[in-house]
Protein backbone atom coordinates (compact mmCIF):
# COMPACT_ATOMS: atom_id res chain seq x y z
CA UNK A 1 -13.00 0.77 12.59
CA UNK A 2 -13.21 -1.79 9.80
CA UNK A 3 -10.35 -3.06 7.67
CA UNK A 4 -11.13 -3.98 4.05
CA UNK A 5 -8.52 -5.86 2.03
CA UNK A 6 -7.43 -3.79 -0.97
CA UNK A 7 -4.05 -5.18 -1.99
CA UNK A 8 -0.92 -7.22 -1.48
CA UNK A 9 2.75 -6.26 -1.18
CA UNK A 10 4.77 -7.73 -4.04
CA UNK A 11 8.15 -6.17 -3.24
CA UNK A 12 9.84 -3.85 -0.76
CA UNK A 13 12.57 -1.41 -1.77
CA UNK A 14 14.36 -0.81 1.54
CA UNK A 15 16.64 1.95 0.25
CA UNK A 16 13.59 3.96 -0.88
CA UNK A 17 11.12 2.91 1.87
CA UNK A 18 8.70 1.99 -0.91
CA UNK A 19 6.43 -1.05 -1.13
CA UNK A 20 5.34 -2.41 -4.48
CA UNK A 21 1.63 -3.13 -4.08
CA UNK A 22 -0.88 -4.76 -6.41
CA UNK A 23 -4.35 -3.28 -5.86
CA UNK A 24 -6.96 -6.05 -5.83
CA UNK A 25 -9.88 -4.50 -3.98
CA UNK A 26 -11.43 -1.06 -4.10
CA UNK A 27 -9.74 2.18 -5.16
CA UNK A 28 -6.98 3.66 -3.03
CA UNK A 29 -6.81 7.45 -2.77
CA UNK A 30 -4.05 9.74 -1.54
CA UNK A 31 -4.99 10.67 2.02
CA UNK A 32 -6.63 7.29 2.80
CA UNK A 33 -5.51 5.40 5.90
CA UNK A 34 -4.13 1.92 5.31
CA UNK A 35 -3.12 -0.99 7.54
CA UNK A 36 -0.24 -3.21 6.40
CA UNK A 37 -0.26 -6.61 8.10
CA UNK A 38 1.87 -9.69 7.65
CA UNK A 39 3.93 -12.26 9.51
CA UNK A 40 6.16 -9.60 11.08
CA UNK A 41 4.57 -6.36 9.79
CA UNK A 42 1.69 -4.58 11.48
CA UNK A 43 1.33 -0.81 11.07
CA UNK A 44 -1.15 1.87 10.01
CA UNK A 45 -0.37 4.99 8.04
CA UNK A 46 -1.90 7.68 5.88
CA UNK A 47 -1.17 7.40 2.14
CA UNK A 48 1.12 10.35 1.45
CA UNK A 49 2.77 9.30 -1.81
CA UNK A 50 2.07 6.68 -4.47
CA UNK A 51 3.26 6.24 -8.04
CA UNK A 52 2.49 4.18 -11.12
CA UNK A 53 5.45 3.80 -13.51
CA UNK A 54 7.34 6.56 -11.64
CA UNK A 55 4.47 9.05 -12.12
CA UNK A 56 2.69 10.42 -9.04
CA UNK A 57 -0.99 9.50 -8.90
CA UNK A 58 -3.86 10.47 -6.59
CA UNK A 59 -5.95 7.32 -7.20
CA UNK A 60 -5.02 3.66 -7.72
CA UNK A 61 -7.63 1.26 -9.10
CA UNK A 62 -7.98 -2.54 -9.00
CA UNK A 63 -5.32 -4.12 -11.21
CA UNK A 64 -2.85 -1.26 -10.76
CA UNK A 65 0.66 -1.98 -9.52
CA UNK A 66 1.81 0.96 -7.45
CA UNK A 67 4.85 2.13 -5.54
CA UNK A 68 3.70 3.21 -2.09
CA UNK A 69 5.88 5.17 0.33
CA UNK A 70 5.69 3.39 3.71
CA UNK A 71 6.72 4.41 7.22
CA UNK A 72 7.95 0.92 8.24
CA UNK A 73 9.44 -2.00 6.34
CA UNK A 74 6.91 -4.15 4.51
CA UNK A 75 7.48 -7.65 3.24
CA UNK A 76 6.34 -9.62 0.22
CA UNK A 77 2.90 -11.17 0.75
CA UNK A 78 1.90 -8.61 3.43
CA UNK A 79 -1.75 -7.68 3.04
CA UNK A 80 -2.80 -4.04 2.63
CA UNK A 81 -6.14 -3.05 4.16
CA UNK A 82 -8.15 0.17 3.90
CA UNK A 83 -9.10 1.48 7.33
CA UNK A 84 -12.66 2.85 7.38
């Protein structure tokens, strides 16, 4: 499996289990598998839910700032990779 960098965590909302992510690489689609890695974070998950401005979306493109439901805490500056 190959990990391709697609974004960076800009904020984590612990009460919602949502990471704010800026997409910098390729498109991210609902159903894709991602890997979140940082100083103390390291987990993989399937993208189940993501939003832009509180509206559910199926695709996020480079430049988009999304809210991404995560299964573990993420931290600012964690890198988000697409698992292929």
